[in-house]
Protein backbone atom coordinates (compact mmCIF):
# COMPACT_ATOMS: atom_id res chain seq x y z
CA MET A 1 -0.10 0.08 -0.15
CA GLU A 2 0.93 3.21 -0.90
CA ILE A 3 1.62 6.29 1.37
CA GLN A 4 -1.35 8.41 -0.24
CA GLU A 5 -3.94 5.41 -0.30
CA ILE A 6 -3.37 5.34 3.56
CA LEU A 7 -3.98 9.34 3.32
CA GLN A 8 -6.45 8.86 1.50
CA SER A 9 -7.71 6.36 3.96
CA TYR A 10 -7.96 8.78 6.72
CA GLU A 11 -8.88 11.34 4.99
CA LYS A 12 -11.89 12.47 7.19
CA ASP A 13 -9.70 11.48 10.55
CA LEU A 14 -7.57 14.28 9.40
CA LYS A 15 -9.91 16.90 8.31
CA LYS A 16 -10.76 16.10 11.70
CA VAL A 17 -7.05 17.22 12.96
CA GLU A 18 -6.53 20.01 11.22
CA ALA A 19 -10.10 22.33 12.13
CA ILE A 20 -8.72 21.41 15.85
CA LEU A 21 -5.22 23.16 14.66
CA ASP A 22 -7.04 25.91 13.34
CA GLU A 23 -8.96 26.64 16.32
CA ASN A 24 -6.33 26.63 18.44
CA LYS A 25 -3.91 28.72 16.86
CA ARG A 26 -6.28 31.57 16.76
CA SER A 27 -5.13 34.60 18.27
CA TYR A 28 -6.17 37.93 19.20
CA VAL A 29 -2.43 38.90 18.10
CA ASP A 30 -2.72 38.44 14.48
CA LEU A 31 0.59 37.50 14.21
CA ILE A 32 0.41 34.01 15.70
CA PRO A 33 -2.76 32.84 13.67
CA ASP A 34 -0.65 34.39 10.76
CA ILE A 35 3.00 32.29 11.11
CA SER A 36 1.40 29.15 12.54
CA SER A 37 -1.12 29.01 8.95
CA TYR A 38 2.26 29.96 7.48
CA ILE A 39 4.14 26.66 8.14
CA ILE A 40 1.46 24.12 9.24
CA GLN A 41 -0.07 24.65 5.38
CA SER A 42 3.34 24.44 3.83
CA GLY A 43 2.89 20.87 2.66
CA GLY A 44 3.92 18.79 5.82
CA LYS A 45 1.91 15.34 5.45
CA ARG A 46 0.87 15.14 8.90
CA LEU A 47 2.59 11.99 9.54
CA ARG A 48 2.71 12.02 12.64
CA PRO A 49 -1.19 12.52 13.33
CA LEU A 50 -2.21 9.89 10.97
CA LEU A 51 0.29 7.76 13.26
CA VAL A 52 -2.20 8.66 15.99
CA MET A 53 -4.93 7.58 13.77
CA ILE A 54 -3.17 4.27 12.88
CA ALA A 55 -2.18 3.25 16.04
CA SER A 56 -5.91 4.08 17.62
CA ASP A 57 -7.37 1.57 15.02
CA LEU A 58 -4.84 -0.69 15.90
CA CYS A 59 -5.56 -1.01 19.45
CA GLY A 60 -9.28 -0.49 19.04
CA TYR A 61 -9.70 3.16 20.56
CA GLY A 62 -12.20 5.27 17.94
CA GLY A 63 -13.41 8.07 20.28
CA GLU A 64 -12.65 11.92 19.51
CA ARG A 65 -9.34 12.05 22.11
CA ARG A 66 -7.45 11.06 19.20
CA TYR A 67 -8.15 14.34 17.52
CA SER A 68 -7.22 16.51 20.30
CA VAL A 69 -4.00 14.16 20.81
CA ALA A 70 -2.79 14.17 17.25
CA ALA A 71 -3.01 17.48 17.14
CA ALA A 72 -1.16 18.65 19.68
CA ILE A 73 1.54 16.72 18.61
CA GLU A 74 1.71 18.41 15.55
CA PHE A 75 1.56 21.95 17.50
CA ILE A 76 4.74 20.49 18.87
CA HIS A 77 6.22 19.53 15.68
CA THR A 78 5.46 22.30 14.10
CA ALA A 79 7.24 24.44 17.24
CA SER A 80 10.64 22.73 16.61
CA LEU A 81 10.22 23.57 12.82
CA LEU A 82 10.14 27.04 13.69
CA HIS A 83 12.93 26.88 16.46
CA ASP A 84 15.31 24.82 14.29
CA ASP A 85 14.94 27.49 11.18
CA VAL A 86 16.02 30.08 13.51
CA ILE A 87 18.83 27.56 15.29
CA ASP A 88 20.30 26.77 11.83
CA HIS A 89 20.14 30.29 9.76
CA ALA A 90 17.12 28.33 6.90
CA ASP A 91 16.38 30.46 4.26
CA THR A 92 13.84 27.99 3.17
CA ARG A 93 10.79 25.45 4.71
CA ARG A 94 9.58 22.93 2.13
CA GLY A 95 10.30 24.45 -0.83
CA LYS A 96 9.45 28.55 0.53
CA ARG A 97 11.15 31.10 2.63
CA SER A 98 11.13 30.25 6.03
CA ALA A 99 9.10 31.95 8.91
CA ASN A 100 12.11 33.32 10.15
CA ARG A 101 13.36 35.11 6.99
CA VAL A 102 9.43 36.72 6.33
CA TRP A 103 9.20 37.84 10.02
CA GLY A 104 12.27 37.32 11.53
CA ASN A 105 14.21 35.51 14.16
CA SER A 106 12.27 36.85 17.12
CA ALA A 107 9.32 36.45 15.90
CA SER A 108 9.72 32.91 14.76
CA VAL A 109 10.64 31.47 18.35
CA LEU A 110 7.65 33.57 20.12
CA VAL A 111 5.21 31.52 17.91
CA GLY A 112 7.09 28.65 18.46
CA ASP A 113 6.82 28.55 21.93
CA TYR A 114 3.26 29.77 21.74
CA LEU A 115 2.52 26.46 20.06
CA TYR A 116 4.53 24.27 22.31
CA SER A 117 2.31 26.13 25.08
CA LYS A 118 -0.81 25.64 23.56
CA SER A 119 0.21 21.77 23.01
CA PHE A 120 0.35 21.16 26.95
CA LYS A 121 -2.75 23.11 27.60
CA MET A 122 -4.69 20.64 24.77
CA ILE A 123 -2.57 17.62 26.66
CA ILE A 124 -3.87 19.31 30.65
CA ASP A 125 -7.41 20.00 29.17
CA ASP A 126 -7.28 15.99 27.77
CA GLY A 127 -7.03 15.08 31.43
CA ASP A 128 -4.89 11.91 31.02
CA PRO A 129 -1.30 11.68 33.30
CA ARG A 130 -0.50 8.97 30.65
CA ILE A 131 -0.63 11.22 27.63
CA GLN A 132 0.68 14.16 29.77
CA GLU A 133 3.69 12.07 30.74
CA LEU A 134 4.27 10.85 27.53
CA LEU A 135 4.04 13.89 25.18
CA SER A 136 5.99 15.71 28.08
CA THR A 137 9.08 13.60 27.88
CA ALA A 138 9.18 13.73 24.31
CA THR A 139 9.35 17.12 24.63
CA VAL A 140 12.62 17.47 26.86
CA LEU A 141 14.28 14.90 25.04
CA MET A 142 13.76 16.73 21.67
CA VAL A 143 15.11 19.26 23.28
CA GLU A 144 18.30 17.08 24.64
CA GLY A 145 18.95 16.14 21.24
CA GLU A 146 18.90 19.50 19.19
CA THR A 147 20.81 21.03 21.80
CA ALA A 148 23.24 17.47 21.61
CA GLN A 149 23.54 18.58 17.55
CA LEU A 150 24.13 22.15 17.75
CA ILE A 151 27.07 21.36 20.17
CA SER A 152 28.43 18.53 17.28
CA SER A 153 27.85 21.01 15.10
CA GLY A 154 31.09 20.79 12.40
CA ASP A 155 33.03 17.77 14.53
CA ILE A 156 33.72 15.37 11.75
CA ALA A 157 34.88 12.97 14.54
CA ILE A 158 31.14 12.09 15.46
CA SER A 159 30.21 8.67 15.74
CA GLU A 160 27.70 6.69 14.25
CA ASP A 161 26.37 6.12 17.88
CA THR A 162 26.49 9.77 18.84
CA TYR A 163 24.02 10.49 15.63
CA LEU A 164 22.21 8.04 16.06
CA SER A 165 21.57 9.06 19.63
CA ILE A 166 20.84 12.87 18.04
CA ILE A 167 18.44 12.16 15.98
CA GLU A 168 16.50 9.24 18.22
CA LYS A 169 16.28 12.38 20.16
CA LYS A 170 15.42 15.10 17.60
CA THR A 171 13.26 13.38 15.42
CA ALA A 172 11.86 10.10 16.41
CA ILE A 173 10.92 10.23 20.17
CA LEU A 174 7.65 12.29 18.69
CA ILE A 175 6.98 9.62 16.43
CA SER A 176 7.32 7.41 18.92
CA ALA A 177 5.23 9.48 21.16
CA ALA A 178 2.48 9.52 18.34
CA CYS A 179 2.50 5.75 18.35
CA ALA A 180 2.51 5.02 21.64
CA ALA A 181 -0.35 7.46 22.14
CA GLY A 182 -2.95 4.81 20.21
CA ALA A 183 -2.19 2.08 22.93
CA VAL A 184 -2.53 4.88 25.71
CA LEU A 185 -6.14 6.12 24.20
CA ALA A 186 -7.42 2.67 23.91
CA ASP A 187 -6.16 1.86 27.69
CA LEU A 188 -4.08 -0.61 27.46
CA PRO A 189 -1.16 -1.95 28.97
CA GLU A 190 2.01 -0.22 29.35
CA ASN A 191 4.06 -3.06 27.53
CA ARG A 192 1.72 -2.27 24.41
CA SER A 193 2.17 1.29 24.68
CA THR A 194 6.18 0.44 24.60
CA SER A 195 5.64 -2.29 21.96
CA LEU A 196 3.83 0.72 19.40
CA GLY A 197 6.63 3.39 21.12
CA THR A 198 9.66 1.08 20.00
CA PHE A 199 8.35 0.42 16.21
CA GLY A 200 8.05 4.08 16.58
CA LEU A 201 11.36 4.94 17.46
CA CYS A 202 12.63 2.49 14.62
CA LEU A 203 10.17 4.19 12.20
CA GLY A 204 11.70 7.91 13.24
CA LYS A 205 15.25 7.01 12.72
CA ALA A 206 14.68 5.61 9.85
CA PHE A 207 12.98 8.78 8.47
CA GLN A 208 15.42 10.97 9.36
CA VAL A 209 18.14 8.92 8.22
CA THR A 210 16.59 8.79 4.80
CA ASP A 211 15.74 12.57 5.32
CA ASP A 212 19.58 12.98 6.20
CA ILE A 213 19.85 11.01 2.05
CA LEU A 214 17.88 13.22 0.50
CA ASP A 215 20.06 16.17 1.41
CA TYR A 216 22.95 14.97 -0.98
CA MET A 217 20.39 13.73 -3.47
CA ALA A 218 18.17 15.80 -3.63
CA GLU A 219 16.83 18.48 -6.05
CA GLU A 220 14.35 21.64 -4.30
CA LYS A 221 11.91 21.60 -6.59
CA ASP A 222 11.05 17.52 -5.98
CA PHE A 223 11.66 17.85 -2.04
CA GLY A 224 11.64 21.60 -1.09
CA LYS A 225 15.08 21.66 0.18
CA ALA A 226 18.01 22.93 -1.51
CA MET A 227 21.23 19.74 -1.89
CA GLY A 228 23.93 20.30 0.70
CA MET A 229 21.76 22.72 3.10
CA ASP A 230 22.69 19.97 5.72
CA LEU A 231 26.27 20.32 4.92
CA LYS A 232 26.36 23.87 4.99
CA GLU A 233 24.42 23.87 8.66
CA GLY A 234 27.86 22.03 9.65
CA LYS A 235 25.30 19.24 10.28
CA ILE A 236 27.79 15.93 9.40
CA THR A 237 25.52 13.10 9.18
CA LEU A 238 25.44 9.23 8.56
CA PRO A 239 26.41 9.28 4.44
CA LEU A 240 29.46 11.26 5.67
CA ILE A 241 29.96 9.92 8.70
CA ARG A 242 30.48 6.57 6.70
CA ALA A 243 32.72 8.24 4.51
CA LEU A 244 34.62 9.79 6.70
CA ALA A 245 35.41 6.94 8.70
CA VAL A 246 37.18 4.88 5.31
CA CYS A 247 38.54 7.70 3.82
CA GLY A 248 42.07 8.61 4.20
CA GLY A 249 43.33 10.79 6.27
CA GLU A 250 43.90 14.06 3.08
CA GLU A 251 39.90 13.60 2.33
CA ARG A 252 39.40 13.72 5.92
CA ASN A 253 41.24 16.91 6.59
CA ARG A 254 39.96 18.52 3.63
CA VAL A 255 35.97 17.64 4.67
CA GLY A 256 37.21 19.19 8.23
CA LYS A 257 38.56 22.39 6.41
CA LEU A 258 35.23 22.75 4.29
CA VAL A 259 32.82 22.04 7.31
CA ARG A 260 34.33 24.36 9.29
CA ALA A 261 34.48 27.17 6.49
CA LYS A 262 30.04 27.02 6.22
CA GLU A 263 29.83 28.92 3.04
CA LEU A 264 30.24 26.61 1.17
CA ALA A 265 29.98 26.90 -2.81
CA GLU A 266 27.97 24.44 -5.23
CA ALA A 267 31.56 22.71 -6.03
CA GLU A 268 32.76 22.17 -2.87
CA ILE A 269 29.38 20.34 -1.91
CA ARG A 270 29.78 18.60 -5.14
CA GLU A 271 33.23 17.35 -3.68
CA VAL A 272 31.73 16.23 -0.53
CA THR A 273 29.14 14.45 -2.35
CA SER A 274 31.66 12.74 -4.43
CA LEU A 275 33.80 11.34 -1.41
CA ILE A 276 30.75 10.30 -0.29
CA GLY A 277 29.46 8.95 -3.52
CA LYS A 278 33.39 6.73 -3.56
CA TYR A 279 33.32 5.06 -0.24
CA GLY A 280 29.55 4.43 -1.00
CA GLY A 281 27.94 6.19 1.91
CA ILE A 282 24.43 6.44 0.41
CA GLU A 283 24.01 2.85 -0.30
CA TYR A 284 25.42 2.26 3.66
CA ALA A 285 22.88 5.14 5.05
CA LEU A 286 20.12 3.55 2.57
CA GLU A 287 20.95 -0.27 4.44
CA LYS A 288 20.74 1.54 7.80
CA ALA A 289 17.41 2.77 7.42
């Protein structure tokens, strides 16, 4: 089954989630819904809300709470995107100008804070301590992961294990929470929510590794992400980690010099991409995913 077929089968459910997102991003301060709408409607596939729906079905839960929980998770995700783009000095997001480039860093950070706060208000209103614990823990780990990534920026000595730990926290943990939420909503025993959470953790890591691979392969018109952006931001991801692990010392030193420079020309990005190709970094990362 293709992802589009799955999305179509949950279209009505996702529309209910969209309605909750729309209602909860309203504010008398116009800037808040303006920026929120700009990023929420910028082409995301609603993977995390979709996983809440699928996991709820799997666990036999068909109640209304799944929509508000899914919306809260999507707000956490959206807030993290706003903050990430400020940290990364990003120019684009999903093929259009990033919110921080349109409204500035301060506005993006504040609206990100608003969406985080709104998500936790929704979780409190839901009233389930297990959901509160699940999503608050996930959010703490996400921030830790992003901070660890910031610290490791430009470090060509980063190990594969460290990389996997970072992506587990910054990306996979919220996908894990979306999956586990289905079992929690169905009031199933903890071992069931743990099992779904473990599946989500693996799915989330595979998702992030694949996204990191696309940074060295994708055209912006197809994926909304210019090739080599991670490299320009000093992010050393799995394809390059693998190449650096097996290449010669001179090549490794050259990559280190380029990464530290940060202002990479197109030819220099191609140079690093060529090195990754030479040492099978893409194939290795795909196999890992």
